[in-house]
mmCIF file of all heavy atoms, coordinates in Angstrom:
data_MODEL
# 
_entry.id   MODEL 
# 
loop_
_atom_site.group_PDB 
_atom_site.id 
_atom_site.type_symbol 
_atom_site.label_atom_id 
_atom_site.label_alt_id 
_atom_site.label_comp_id 
_atom_site.label_asym_id 
_atom_site.label_entity_id 
_atom_site.label_seq_id 
_atom_site.pdbx_PDB_ins_code 
_atom_site.Cartn_x 
_atom_site.Cartn_y 
_atom_site.Cartn_z 
_atom_site.occupancy 
_atom_site.B_iso_or_equiv 
_atom_site.pdbx_formal_charge 
_atom_site.auth_seq_id 
_atom_site.auth_comp_id 
_atom_site.auth_asym_id 
_atom_site.auth_atom_id 
_atom_site.pdbx_PDB_model_num 
ATOM 1   N N   . VAL A 1 1  ? -62.230 89.018  -19.906 1.00 0.00 ? 1  VAL A N   1 
ATOM 2   C CA  . VAL A 1 1  ? -62.322 90.191  -20.863 1.00 0.00 ? 1  VAL A CA  1 
ATOM 3   C C   . VAL A 1 1  ? -63.696 90.720  -20.972 1.00 0.00 ? 1  VAL A C   1 
ATOM 4   O O   . VAL A 1 1  ? -63.862 91.968  -21.217 1.00 0.00 ? 1  VAL A O   1 
ATOM 5   C CB  . VAL A 1 1  ? -61.801 89.539  -22.245 1.00 0.00 ? 1  VAL A CB  1 
ATOM 6   C CG1 . VAL A 1 1  ? -62.063 90.492  -23.381 1.00 0.00 ? 1  VAL A CG1 1 
ATOM 7   C CG2 . VAL A 1 1  ? -60.324 89.235  -22.201 1.00 0.00 ? 1  VAL A CG2 1 
ATOM 8   N N   . GLN A 1 2  ? -64.652 89.914  -21.010 1.00 0.00 ? 2  GLN A N   1 
ATOM 9   C CA  . GLN A 1 2  ? -65.984 90.322  -21.069 1.00 0.00 ? 2  GLN A CA  1 
ATOM 10  C C   . GLN A 1 2  ? -66.436 91.285  -19.908 1.00 0.00 ? 2  GLN A C   1 
ATOM 11  O O   . GLN A 1 2  ? -67.469 92.095  -20.017 1.00 0.00 ? 2  GLN A O   1 
ATOM 12  C CB  . GLN A 1 2  ? -67.087 89.191  -21.160 1.00 0.00 ? 2  GLN A CB  1 
ATOM 13  C CG  . GLN A 1 2  ? -66.875 88.441  -22.539 1.00 0.00 ? 2  GLN A CG  1 
ATOM 14  C CD  . GLN A 1 2  ? -67.792 87.202  -22.608 1.00 0.00 ? 2  GLN A CD  1 
ATOM 15  O OE1 . GLN A 1 2  ? -68.405 86.802  -21.561 1.00 0.00 ? 2  GLN A OE1 1 
ATOM 16  N NE2 . GLN A 1 2  ? -67.819 86.683  -23.726 1.00 0.00 ? 2  GLN A NE2 1 
ATOM 17  N N   . ARG A 1 3  ? -65.727 91.173  -18.782 1.00 0.00 ? 3  ARG A N   1 
ATOM 18  C CA  . ARG A 1 3  ? -66.125 92.032  -17.621 1.00 0.00 ? 3  ARG A CA  1 
ATOM 19  C C   . ARG A 1 3  ? -65.355 93.321  -17.667 1.00 0.00 ? 3  ARG A C   1 
ATOM 20  O O   . ARG A 1 3  ? -65.503 94.152  -16.759 1.00 0.00 ? 3  ARG A O   1 
ATOM 21  C CB  . ARG A 1 3  ? -65.829 91.202  -16.332 1.00 0.00 ? 3  ARG A CB  1 
ATOM 22  C CG  . ARG A 1 3  ? -66.777 90.230  -16.060 1.00 0.00 ? 3  ARG A CG  1 
ATOM 23  C CD  . ARG A 1 3  ? -66.847 89.581  -14.691 1.00 0.00 ? 3  ARG A CD  1 
ATOM 24  N NE  . ARG A 1 3  ? -65.542 89.162  -14.273 1.00 0.00 ? 3  ARG A NE  1 
ATOM 25  C CZ  . ARG A 1 3  ? -65.074 87.812  -14.409 1.00 0.00 ? 3  ARG A CZ  1 
ATOM 26  N NH1 . ARG A 1 3  ? -65.980 86.953  -14.861 1.00 0.00 ? 3  ARG A NH1 1 
ATOM 27  N NH2 . ARG A 1 3  ? -63.956 87.404  -14.105 1.00 0.00 ? 3  ARG A NH2 1 
ATOM 28  N N   . LEU A 1 4  ? -64.412 93.477  -18.569 1.00 0.00 ? 4  LEU A N   1 
ATOM 29  C CA  . LEU A 1 4  ? -63.544 94.625  -18.559 1.00 0.00 ? 4  LEU A CA  1 
ATOM 30  C C   . LEU A 1 4  ? -64.385 95.922  -19.078 1.00 0.00 ? 4  LEU A C   1 
ATOM 31  O O   . LEU A 1 4  ? -65.276 95.722  -19.852 1.00 0.00 ? 4  LEU A O   1 
ATOM 32  C CB  . LEU A 1 4  ? -62.283 94.455  -19.470 1.00 0.00 ? 4  LEU A CB  1 
ATOM 33  C CG  . LEU A 1 4  ? -61.308 93.456  -18.943 1.00 0.00 ? 4  LEU A CG  1 
ATOM 34  C CD1 . LEU A 1 4  ? -60.182 93.206  -20.010 1.00 0.00 ? 4  LEU A CD1 1 
ATOM 35  C CD2 . LEU A 1 4  ? -60.685 93.900  -17.707 1.00 0.00 ? 4  LEU A CD2 1 
ATOM 36  N N   . PRO A 1 5  ? -64.103 97.098  -18.511 1.00 0.00 ? 5  PRO A N   1 
ATOM 37  C CA  . PRO A 1 5  ? -64.746 98.243  -19.037 1.00 0.00 ? 5  PRO A CA  1 
ATOM 38  C C   . PRO A 1 5  ? -64.393 98.597  -20.393 1.00 0.00 ? 5  PRO A C   1 
ATOM 39  O O   . PRO A 1 5  ? -63.232 98.143  -20.914 1.00 0.00 ? 5  PRO A O   1 
ATOM 40  C CB  . PRO A 1 5  ? -64.274 99.302  -18.009 1.00 0.00 ? 5  PRO A CB  1 
ATOM 41  C CG  . PRO A 1 5  ? -62.946 98.865  -17.559 1.00 0.00 ? 5  PRO A CG  1 
ATOM 42  C CD  . PRO A 1 5  ? -63.062 97.344  -17.507 1.00 0.00 ? 5  PRO A CD  1 
ATOM 43  N N   . LEU A 1 6  ? -65.169 99.348  -21.192 1.00 0.00 ? 6  LEU A N   1 
ATOM 44  C CA  . LEU A 1 6  ? -64.909 99.582  -22.506 1.00 0.00 ? 6  LEU A CA  1 
ATOM 45  C C   . LEU A 1 6  ? -63.664 100.512 -22.774 1.00 0.00 ? 6  LEU A C   1 
ATOM 46  O O   . LEU A 1 6  ? -62.981 100.394 -23.792 1.00 0.00 ? 6  LEU A O   1 
ATOM 47  C CB  . LEU A 1 6  ? -66.178 100.409 -23.129 1.00 0.00 ? 6  LEU A CB  1 
ATOM 48  C CG  . LEU A 1 6  ? -67.504 99.585  -23.307 1.00 0.00 ? 6  LEU A CG  1 
ATOM 49  C CD1 . LEU A 1 6  ? -68.502 100.460 -23.828 1.00 0.00 ? 6  LEU A CD1 1 
ATOM 50  C CD2 . LEU A 1 6  ? -67.222 98.350  -24.199 1.00 0.00 ? 6  LEU A CD2 1 
ATOM 51  N N   . ARG A 1 7  ? -63.348 101.342 -21.711 1.00 0.00 ? 7  ARG A N   1 
ATOM 52  C CA  . ARG A 1 7  ? -62.050 102.189 -21.839 1.00 0.00 ? 7  ARG A CA  1 
ATOM 53  C C   . ARG A 1 7  ? -60.912 101.367 -21.926 1.00 0.00 ? 7  ARG A C   1 
ATOM 54  O O   . ARG A 1 7  ? -59.850 101.787 -22.380 1.00 0.00 ? 7  ARG A O   1 
ATOM 55  C CB  . ARG A 1 7  ? -62.073 103.090 -20.656 1.00 0.00 ? 7  ARG A CB  1 
ATOM 56  C CG  . ARG A 1 7  ? -61.887 102.506 -19.241 1.00 0.00 ? 7  ARG A CG  1 
ATOM 57  C CD  . ARG A 1 7  ? -61.797 103.598 -18.308 1.00 0.00 ? 7  ARG A CD  1 
ATOM 58  N NE  . ARG A 1 7  ? -61.633 102.900 -16.925 1.00 0.00 ? 7  ARG A NE  1 
ATOM 59  C CZ  . ARG A 1 7  ? -62.615 102.644 -16.206 1.00 0.00 ? 7  ARG A CZ  1 
ATOM 60  N NH1 . ARG A 1 7  ? -63.828 102.840 -16.491 1.00 0.00 ? 7  ARG A NH1 1 
ATOM 61  N NH2 . ARG A 1 7  ? -62.461 102.123 -14.938 1.00 0.00 ? 7  ARG A NH2 1 
ATOM 62  N N   . PHE A 1 8  ? -60.838 100.102 -21.470 1.00 0.00 ? 8  PHE A N   1 
ATOM 63  C CA  . PHE A 1 8  ? -59.739 99.314  -21.585 1.00 0.00 ? 8  PHE A CA  1 
ATOM 64  C C   . PHE A 1 8  ? -59.397 98.910  -23.041 1.00 0.00 ? 8  PHE A C   1 
ATOM 65  O O   . PHE A 1 8  ? -58.257 98.908  -23.387 1.00 0.00 ? 8  PHE A O   1 
ATOM 66  C CB  . PHE A 1 8  ? -59.992 97.846  -20.902 1.00 0.00 ? 8  PHE A CB  1 
ATOM 67  C CG  . PHE A 1 8  ? -58.977 96.789  -21.102 1.00 0.00 ? 8  PHE A CG  1 
ATOM 68  C CD1 . PHE A 1 8  ? -57.651 96.916  -20.385 1.00 0.00 ? 8  PHE A CD1 1 
ATOM 69  C CD2 . PHE A 1 8  ? -59.097 95.883  -22.116 1.00 0.00 ? 8  PHE A CD2 1 
ATOM 70  C CE1 . PHE A 1 8  ? -56.673 95.829  -20.768 1.00 0.00 ? 8  PHE A CE1 1 
ATOM 71  C CE2 . PHE A 1 8  ? -58.146 94.877  -22.228 1.00 0.00 ? 8  PHE A CE2 1 
ATOM 72  C CZ  . PHE A 1 8  ? -57.012 94.861  -21.558 1.00 0.00 ? 8  PHE A CZ  1 
ATOM 73  N N   . PHE A 1 9  ? -60.396 98.771  -23.904 1.00 0.00 ? 9  PHE A N   1 
ATOM 74  C CA  . PHE A 1 9  ? -60.196 98.466  -25.245 1.00 0.00 ? 9  PHE A CA  1 
ATOM 75  C C   . PHE A 1 9  ? -59.724 99.603  -26.071 1.00 0.00 ? 9  PHE A C   1 
ATOM 76  O O   . PHE A 1 9  ? -59.229 99.497  -27.184 1.00 0.00 ? 9  PHE A O   1 
ATOM 77  C CB  . PHE A 1 9  ? -61.520 97.836  -25.813 1.00 0.00 ? 9  PHE A CB  1 
ATOM 78  C CG  . PHE A 1 9  ? -61.993 96.585  -25.167 1.00 0.00 ? 9  PHE A CG  1 
ATOM 79  C CD1 . PHE A 1 9  ? -62.962 96.587  -24.160 1.00 0.00 ? 9  PHE A CD1 1 
ATOM 80  C CD2 . PHE A 1 9  ? -61.420 95.329  -25.544 1.00 0.00 ? 9  PHE A CD2 1 
ATOM 81  C CE1 . PHE A 1 9  ? -63.311 95.428  -23.575 1.00 0.00 ? 9  PHE A CE1 1 
ATOM 82  C CE2 . PHE A 1 9  ? -61.805 94.192  -24.938 1.00 0.00 ? 9  PHE A CE2 1 
ATOM 83  C CZ  . PHE A 1 9  ? -62.743 94.317  -23.892 1.00 0.00 ? 9  PHE A CZ  1 
ATOM 84  N N   . ASP A 1 10 ? -59.947 100.782 -25.506 1.00 0.00 ? 10 ASP A N   1 
ATOM 85  C CA  . ASP A 1 10 ? -59.416 101.997 -26.181 1.00 0.00 ? 10 ASP A CA  1 
ATOM 86  C C   . ASP A 1 10 ? -57.937 102.155 -26.001 1.00 0.00 ? 10 ASP A C   1 
ATOM 87  O O   . ASP A 1 10 ? -57.163 102.769 -26.776 1.00 0.00 ? 10 ASP A O   1 
ATOM 88  C CB  . ASP A 1 10 ? -60.093 103.319 -25.607 1.00 0.00 ? 10 ASP A CB  1 
ATOM 89  C CG  . ASP A 1 10 ? -61.557 103.289 -25.963 1.00 0.00 ? 10 ASP A CG  1 
ATOM 90  O OD1 . ASP A 1 10 ? -61.869 102.659 -26.960 1.00 0.00 ? 10 ASP A OD1 1 
ATOM 91  O OD2 . ASP A 1 10 ? -62.432 103.901 -25.250 1.00 0.00 ? 10 ASP A OD2 1 
ATOM 92  N N   . ARG A 1 11 ? -57.383 101.615 -24.901 1.00 0.00 ? 11 ARG A N   1 
ATOM 93  C CA  . ARG A 1 11 ? -55.978 101.727 -24.444 1.00 0.00 ? 11 ARG A CA  1 
ATOM 94  C C   . ARG A 1 11 ? -55.087 100.531 -25.005 1.00 0.00 ? 11 ARG A C   1 
ATOM 95  O O   . ARG A 1 11 ? -53.879 100.793 -25.249 1.00 0.00 ? 11 ARG A O   1 
ATOM 96  C CB  . ARG A 1 11 ? -55.805 101.866 -22.926 1.00 0.00 ? 11 ARG A CB  1 
ATOM 97  C CG  . ARG A 1 11 ? -56.485 103.067 -22.297 1.00 0.00 ? 11 ARG A CG  1 
ATOM 98  C CD  . ARG A 1 11 ? -55.921 103.295 -20.899 1.00 0.00 ? 11 ARG A CD  1 
ATOM 99  N NE  . ARG A 1 11 ? -55.871 102.106 -20.145 1.00 0.00 ? 11 ARG A NE  1 
ATOM 100 C CZ  . ARG A 1 11 ? -56.879 101.717 -19.372 1.00 0.00 ? 11 ARG A CZ  1 
ATOM 101 N NH1 . ARG A 1 11 ? -57.974 102.369 -19.228 1.00 0.00 ? 11 ARG A NH1 1 
ATOM 102 N NH2 . ARG A 1 11 ? -56.784 100.632 -18.656 1.00 0.00 ? 11 ARG A NH2 1 
ATOM 103 N N   . TYR A 1 12 ? -55.776 99.392  -24.951 1.00 0.00 ? 12 TYR A N   1 
ATOM 104 C CA  . TYR A 1 12 ? -54.986 98.251  -25.299 1.00 0.00 ? 12 TYR A CA  1 
ATOM 105 C C   . TYR A 1 12 ? -55.213 97.826  -26.679 1.00 0.00 ? 12 TYR A C   1 
ATOM 106 O O   . TYR A 1 12 ? -56.356 97.641  -27.167 1.00 0.00 ? 12 TYR A O   1 
ATOM 107 C CB  . TYR A 1 12 ? -55.475 97.023  -24.412 1.00 0.00 ? 12 TYR A CB  1 
ATOM 108 C CG  . TYR A 1 12 ? -54.551 95.885  -24.244 1.00 0.00 ? 12 TYR A CG  1 
ATOM 109 C CD1 . TYR A 1 12 ? -53.555 95.796  -23.211 1.00 0.00 ? 12 TYR A CD1 1 
ATOM 110 C CD2 . TYR A 1 12 ? -54.502 94.862  -25.194 1.00 0.00 ? 12 TYR A CD2 1 
ATOM 111 C CE1 . TYR A 1 12 ? -52.613 94.835  -23.119 1.00 0.00 ? 12 TYR A CE1 1 
ATOM 112 C CE2 . TYR A 1 12 ? -53.631 93.807  -25.113 1.00 0.00 ? 12 TYR A CE2 1 
ATOM 113 C CZ  . TYR A 1 12 ? -52.700 93.846  -24.005 1.00 0.00 ? 12 TYR A CZ  1 
ATOM 114 O OH  . TYR A 1 12 ? -51.742 92.715  -23.958 1.00 0.00 ? 12 TYR A OH  1 
ATOM 115 N N   . PRO A 1 13 ? -54.105 97.534  -27.522 1.00 0.00 ? 13 PRO A N   1 
ATOM 116 C CA  . PRO A 1 13 ? -54.322 97.140  -28.940 1.00 0.00 ? 13 PRO A CA  1 
ATOM 117 C C   . PRO A 1 13 ? -55.158 95.892  -29.092 1.00 0.00 ? 13 PRO A C   1 
ATOM 118 O O   . PRO A 1 13 ? -54.806 94.857  -28.445 1.00 0.00 ? 13 PRO A O   1 
ATOM 119 C CB  . PRO A 1 13 ? -52.835 97.023  -29.496 1.00 0.00 ? 13 PRO A CB  1 
ATOM 120 C CG  . PRO A 1 13 ? -52.138 97.783  -28.367 1.00 0.00 ? 13 PRO A CG  1 
ATOM 121 C CD  . PRO A 1 13 ? -52.727 97.698  -27.158 1.00 0.00 ? 13 PRO A CD  1 
ATOM 122 N N   . VAL A 1 14 ? -56.056 95.922  -30.024 1.00 0.00 ? 14 VAL A N   1 
ATOM 123 C CA  . VAL A 1 14 ? -56.983 94.705  -30.206 1.00 0.00 ? 14 VAL A CA  1 
ATOM 124 C C   . VAL A 1 14 ? -56.209 93.591  -30.726 1.00 0.00 ? 14 VAL A C   1 
ATOM 125 O O   . VAL A 1 14 ? -56.452 92.377  -30.324 1.00 0.00 ? 14 VAL A O   1 
ATOM 126 C CB  . VAL A 1 14 ? -58.159 95.208  -31.072 1.00 0.00 ? 14 VAL A CB  1 
ATOM 127 C CG1 . VAL A 1 14 ? -59.102 94.003  -31.332 1.00 0.00 ? 14 VAL A CG1 1 
ATOM 128 C CG2 . VAL A 1 14 ? -58.951 96.271  -30.488 1.00 0.00 ? 14 VAL A CG2 1 
ATOM 129 N N   . GLY A 1 15 ? -55.347 93.861  -31.499 1.00 0.00 ? 15 GLY A N   1 
ATOM 130 C CA  . GLY A 1 15 ? -54.550 92.728  -32.199 1.00 0.00 ? 15 GLY A CA  1 
ATOM 131 C C   . GLY A 1 15 ? -53.714 91.990  -31.225 1.00 0.00 ? 15 GLY A C   1 
ATOM 132 O O   . GLY A 1 15 ? -53.635 90.769  -31.191 1.00 0.00 ? 15 GLY A O   1 
ATOM 133 N N   . ARG A 1 16 ? -53.106 92.777  -30.255 1.00 0.00 ? 16 ARG A N   1 
ATOM 134 C CA  . ARG A 1 16 ? -52.382 92.082  -29.184 1.00 0.00 ? 16 ARG A CA  1 
ATOM 135 C C   . ARG A 1 16 ? -53.354 91.308  -28.328 1.00 0.00 ? 16 ARG A C   1 
ATOM 136 O O   . ARG A 1 16 ? -52.832 90.171  -27.773 1.00 0.00 ? 16 ARG A O   1 
ATOM 137 C CB  . ARG A 1 16 ? -51.538 93.192  -28.409 1.00 0.00 ? 16 ARG A CB  1 
ATOM 138 C CG  . ARG A 1 16 ? -50.505 92.603  -27.547 1.00 0.00 ? 16 ARG A CG  1 
ATOM 139 C CD  . ARG A 1 16 ? -49.797 93.768  -26.852 1.00 0.00 ? 16 ARG A CD  1 
ATOM 140 N NE  . ARG A 1 16 ? -49.261 94.760  -27.810 1.00 0.00 ? 16 ARG A NE  1 
ATOM 141 C CZ  . ARG A 1 16 ? -48.118 94.609  -28.423 1.00 0.00 ? 16 ARG A CZ  1 
ATOM 142 N NH1 . ARG A 1 16 ? -47.307 93.586  -28.228 1.00 0.00 ? 16 ARG A NH1 1 
ATOM 143 N NH2 . ARG A 1 16 ? -47.658 95.530  -29.300 1.00 0.00 ? 16 ARG A NH2 1 
ATOM 144 N N   . LEU A 1 17 ? -54.477 91.782  -28.039 1.00 0.00 ? 17 LEU A N   1 
ATOM 145 C CA  . LEU A 1 17 ? -55.325 91.060  -27.247 1.00 0.00 ? 17 LEU A CA  1 
ATOM 146 C C   . LEU A 1 17 ? -55.839 89.784  -27.859 1.00 0.00 ? 17 LEU A C   1 
ATOM 147 O O   . LEU A 1 17 ? -55.948 88.698  -27.212 1.00 0.00 ? 17 LEU A O   1 
ATOM 148 C CB  . LEU A 1 17 ? -56.657 91.904  -26.870 1.00 0.00 ? 17 LEU A CB  1 
ATOM 149 C CG  . LEU A 1 17 ? -57.659 91.404  -26.026 1.00 0.00 ? 17 LEU A CG  1 
ATOM 150 C CD1 . LEU A 1 17 ? -57.101 91.163  -24.690 1.00 0.00 ? 17 LEU A CD1 1 
ATOM 151 C CD2 . LEU A 1 17 ? -58.950 92.338  -26.019 1.00 0.00 ? 17 LEU A CD2 1 
ATOM 152 N N   . VAL A 1 18 ? -56.029 89.833  -29.190 1.00 0.00 ? 18 VAL A N   1 
ATOM 153 C CA  . VAL A 1 18 ? -56.439 88.631  -29.873 1.00 0.00 ? 18 VAL A CA  1 
ATOM 154 C C   . VAL A 1 18 ? -55.322 87.646  -29.788 1.00 0.00 ? 18 VAL A C   1 
ATOM 155 O O   . VAL A 1 18 ? -55.580 86.297  -29.659 1.00 0.00 ? 18 VAL A O   1 
ATOM 156 C CB  . VAL A 1 18 ? -56.859 88.921  -31.281 1.00 0.00 ? 18 VAL A CB  1 
ATOM 157 C CG1 . VAL A 1 18 ? -57.024 87.674  -32.143 1.00 0.00 ? 18 VAL A CG1 1 
ATOM 158 C CG2 . VAL A 1 18 ? -58.095 89.833  -31.343 1.00 0.00 ? 18 VAL A CG2 1 
ATOM 159 N N   . THR A 1 19 ? -54.131 88.034  -29.915 1.00 0.00 ? 19 THR A N   1 
ATOM 160 C CA  . THR A 1 19 ? -52.960 87.177  -29.791 1.00 0.00 ? 19 THR A CA  1 
ATOM 161 C C   . THR A 1 19 ? -52.865 86.496  -28.413 1.00 0.00 ? 19 THR A C   1 
ATOM 162 O O   . THR A 1 19 ? -52.665 85.314  -28.327 1.00 0.00 ? 19 THR A O   1 
ATOM 163 C CB  . THR A 1 19 ? -51.657 87.896  -30.071 1.00 0.00 ? 19 THR A CB  1 
ATOM 164 O OG1 . THR A 1 19 ? -51.631 88.421  -31.470 1.00 0.00 ? 19 THR A OG1 1 
ATOM 165 C CG2 . THR A 1 19 ? -50.444 86.985  -29.978 1.00 0.00 ? 19 THR A CG2 1 
ATOM 166 N N   . ARG A 1 20 ? -53.096 87.300  -27.405 1.00 0.00 ? 20 ARG A N   1 
ATOM 167 C CA  . ARG A 1 20 ? -53.150 86.737  -26.082 1.00 0.00 ? 20 ARG A CA  1 
ATOM 168 C C   . ARG A 1 20 ? -54.148 85.676  -25.901 1.00 0.00 ? 20 ARG A C   1 
ATOM 169 O O   . ARG A 1 20 ? -53.938 84.655  -25.284 1.00 0.00 ? 20 ARG A O   1 
ATOM 170 C CB  . ARG A 1 20 ? -53.340 87.837  -25.053 1.00 0.00 ? 20 ARG A CB  1 
ATOM 171 C CG  . ARG A 1 20 ? -52.228 88.840  -24.816 1.00 0.00 ? 20 ARG A CG  1 
ATOM 172 C CD  . ARG A 1 20 ? -51.078 88.069  -24.121 1.00 0.00 ? 20 ARG A CD  1 
ATOM 173 N NE  . ARG A 1 20 ? -49.903 88.888  -23.866 1.00 0.00 ? 20 ARG A NE  1 
ATOM 174 C CZ  . ARG A 1 20 ? -48.734 88.554  -23.820 1.00 0.00 ? 20 ARG A CZ  1 
ATOM 175 N NH1 . ARG A 1 20 ? -48.368 87.292  -24.016 1.00 0.00 ? 20 ARG A NH1 1 
ATOM 176 N NH2 . ARG A 1 20 ? -47.811 89.403  -23.456 1.00 0.00 ? 20 ARG A NH2 1 
ATOM 177 N N   . LEU A 1 21 ? -55.357 85.801  -26.399 1.00 0.00 ? 21 LEU A N   1 
ATOM 178 C CA  . LEU A 1 21 ? -56.444 84.984  -26.199 1.00 0.00 ? 21 LEU A CA  1 
ATOM 179 C C   . LEU A 1 21 ? -56.323 83.736  -27.176 1.00 0.00 ? 21 LEU A C   1 
ATOM 180 O O   . LEU A 1 21 ? -57.019 82.735  -26.809 1.00 0.00 ? 21 LEU A O   1 
ATOM 181 C CB  . LEU A 1 21 ? -57.809 85.653  -26.421 1.00 0.00 ? 21 LEU A CB  1 
ATOM 182 C CG  . LEU A 1 21 ? -58.171 86.786  -25.456 1.00 0.00 ? 21 LEU A CG  1 
ATOM 183 C CD1 . LEU A 1 21 ? -59.439 87.470  -25.865 1.00 0.00 ? 21 LEU A CD1 1 
ATOM 184 C CD2 . LEU A 1 21 ? -58.233 86.195  -24.076 1.00 0.00 ? 21 LEU A CD2 1 
ATOM 185 N N   . GLY A 1 22 ? -55.573 83.795  -28.228 1.00 0.00 ? 22 GLY A N   1 
ATOM 186 C CA  . GLY A 1 22 ? -55.540 82.777  -29.197 1.00 0.00 ? 22 GLY A CA  1 
ATOM 187 C C   . GLY A 1 22 ? -54.206 82.028  -29.174 1.00 0.00 ? 22 GLY A C   1 
ATOM 188 O O   . GLY A 1 22 ? -54.057 81.000  -28.764 1.00 0.00 ? 22 GLY A O   1 
ATOM 189 N N   . ASN A 1 23 ? -53.182 82.747  -29.709 1.00 0.00 ? 23 ASN A N   1 
ATOM 190 C CA  . ASN A 1 23 ? -51.891 82.040  -30.019 1.00 0.00 ? 23 ASN A CA  1 
ATOM 191 C C   . ASN A 1 23 ? -51.201 81.677  -28.723 1.00 0.00 ? 23 ASN A C   1 
ATOM 192 O O   . ASN A 1 23 ? -50.585 80.580  -28.511 1.00 0.00 ? 23 ASN A O   1 
ATOM 193 C CB  . ASN A 1 23 ? -51.035 82.997  -30.804 1.00 0.00 ? 23 ASN A CB  1 
ATOM 194 C CG  . ASN A 1 23 ? -51.602 83.142  -32.147 1.00 0.00 ? 23 ASN A CG  1 
ATOM 195 O OD1 . ASN A 1 23 ? -52.343 82.453  -32.682 1.00 0.00 ? 23 ASN A OD1 1 
ATOM 196 N ND2 . ASN A 1 23 ? -51.091 84.167  -32.892 1.00 0.00 ? 23 ASN A ND2 1 
ATOM 197 N N   . ASP A 1 24 ? -51.184 82.640  -27.751 1.00 0.00 ? 24 ASP A N   1 
ATOM 198 C CA  . ASP A 1 24 ? -50.506 82.378  -26.443 1.00 0.00 ? 24 ASP A CA  1 
ATOM 199 C C   . ASP A 1 24 ? -51.167 81.219  -25.709 1.00 0.00 ? 24 ASP A C   1 
ATOM 200 O O   . ASP A 1 24 ? -50.392 80.362  -25.146 1.00 0.00 ? 24 ASP A O   1 
ATOM 201 C CB  . ASP A 1 24 ? -50.578 83.584  -25.611 1.00 0.00 ? 24 ASP A CB  1 
ATOM 202 C CG  . ASP A 1 24 ? -49.727 84.614  -26.108 1.00 0.00 ? 24 ASP A CG  1 
ATOM 203 O OD1 . ASP A 1 24 ? -48.962 84.441  -27.143 1.00 0.00 ? 24 ASP A OD1 1 
ATOM 204 O OD2 . ASP A 1 24 ? -49.549 85.771  -25.543 1.00 0.00 ? 24 ASP A OD2 1 
ATOM 205 N N   . VAL A 1 25 ? -52.472 81.113  -25.692 1.00 0.00 ? 25 VAL A N   1 
ATOM 206 C CA  . VAL A 1 25 ? -53.104 79.901  -25.058 1.00 0.00 ? 25 VAL A CA  1 
ATOM 207 C C   . VAL A 1 25 ? -52.756 78.607  -25.837 1.00 0.00 ? 25 VAL A C   1 
ATOM 208 O O   . VAL A 1 25 ? -52.569 77.546  -25.167 1.00 0.00 ? 25 VAL A O   1 
ATOM 209 C CB  . VAL A 1 25 ? -54.592 80.145  -25.051 1.00 0.00 ? 25 VAL A CB  1 
ATOM 210 C CG1 . VAL A 1 25 ? -55.304 78.873  -24.404 1.00 0.00 ? 25 VAL A CG1 1 
ATOM 211 C CG2 . VAL A 1 25 ? -54.870 81.326  -24.138 1.00 0.00 ? 25 VAL A CG2 1 
ATOM 212 N N   . GLU A 1 26 ? -52.578 78.702  -27.072 1.00 0.00 ? 26 GLU A N   1 
ATOM 213 C CA  . GLU A 1 26 ? -52.290 77.514  -27.872 1.00 0.00 ? 26 GLU A CA  1 
ATOM 214 C C   . GLU A 1 26 ? -50.867 77.074  -27.585 1.00 0.00 ? 26 GLU A C   1 
ATOM 215 O O   . GLU A 1 26 ? -50.531 75.855  -27.518 1.00 0.00 ? 26 GLU A O   1 
ATOM 216 C CB  . GLU A 1 26 ? -52.540 77.808  -29.365 1.00 0.00 ? 26 GLU A CB  1 
ATOM 217 C CG  . GLU A 1 26 ? -52.305 76.606  -30.285 1.00 0.00 ? 26 GLU A CG  1 
ATOM 218 C CD  . GLU A 1 26 ? -53.245 75.392  -29.992 1.00 0.00 ? 26 GLU A CD  1 
ATOM 219 O OE1 . GLU A 1 26 ? -54.252 75.806  -29.597 1.00 0.00 ? 26 GLU A OE1 1 
ATOM 220 O OE2 . GLU A 1 26 ? -52.895 74.257  -30.236 1.00 0.00 ? 26 GLU A OE2 1 
ATOM 221 N N   . ASN A 1 27 ? -49.959 77.999  -27.419 1.00 0.00 ? 27 ASN A N   1 
ATOM 222 C CA  . ASN A 1 27 ? -48.570 77.737  -26.961 1.00 0.00 ? 27 ASN A CA  1 
ATOM 223 C C   . ASN A 1 27 ? -48.591 77.100  -25.631 1.00 0.00 ? 27 ASN A C   1 
ATOM 224 O O   . ASN A 1 27 ? -47.783 76.091  -25.376 1.00 0.00 ? 27 ASN A O   1 
ATOM 225 C CB  . ASN A 1 27 ? -47.770 78.959  -26.973 1.00 0.00 ? 27 ASN A CB  1 
ATOM 226 C CG  . ASN A 1 27 ? -47.586 79.569  -28.373 1.00 0.00 ? 27 ASN A CG  1 
ATOM 227 O OD1 . ASN A 1 27 ? -47.589 78.838  -29.418 1.00 0.00 ? 27 ASN A OD1 1 
ATOM 228 N ND2 . ASN A 1 27 ? -47.316 80.867  -28.364 1.00 0.00 ? 27 ASN A ND2 1 
ATOM 229 N N   . LEU A 1 28 ? -49.386 77.370  -24.708 1.00 0.00 ? 28 LEU A N   1 
ATOM 230 C CA  . LEU A 1 28 ? -49.591 76.785  -23.373 1.00 0.00 ? 28 LEU A CA  1 
ATOM 231 C C   . LEU A 1 28 ? -50.020 75.239  -23.555 1.00 0.00 ? 28 LEU A C   1 
ATOM 232 O O   . LEU A 1 28 ? -49.457 74.377  -22.992 1.00 0.00 ? 28 LEU A O   1 
ATOM 233 C CB  . LEU A 1 28 ? -50.548 77.469  -22.459 1.00 0.00 ? 28 LEU A CB  1 
ATOM 234 C CG  . LEU A 1 28 ? -49.965 78.867  -21.843 1.00 0.00 ? 28 LEU A CG  1 
ATOM 235 C CD1 . LEU A 1 28 ? -51.126 79.346  -21.001 1.00 0.00 ? 28 LEU A CD1 1 
ATOM 236 C CD2 . LEU A 1 28 ? -48.820 78.497  -20.887 1.00 0.00 ? 28 LEU A CD2 1 
ATOM 237 N N   . SER A 1 29 ? -50.956 75.096  -24.545 1.00 0.00 ? 29 SER A N   1 
ATOM 238 C CA  . SER A 1 29 ? -51.382 73.805  -24.762 1.00 0.00 ? 29 SER A CA  1 
ATOM 239 C C   . SER A 1 29 ? -50.202 72.871  -25.358 1.00 0.00 ? 29 SER A C   1 
ATOM 240 O O   . SER A 1 29 ? -50.125 71.677  -24.889 1.00 0.00 ? 29 SER A O   1 
ATOM 241 C CB  . SER A 1 29 ? -52.592 73.800  -25.728 1.00 0.00 ? 29 SER A CB  1 
ATOM 242 O OG  . SER A 1 29 ? -53.053 72.518  -26.075 1.00 0.00 ? 29 SER A OG  1 
# 
């Protein structure tokens, strides 16, 4: 995520991104 260009965050919803990085990883655990 830190290597993604800034225009990616303009297109992709931030809330969905936070869910991917948080809740979905916890479900995998």
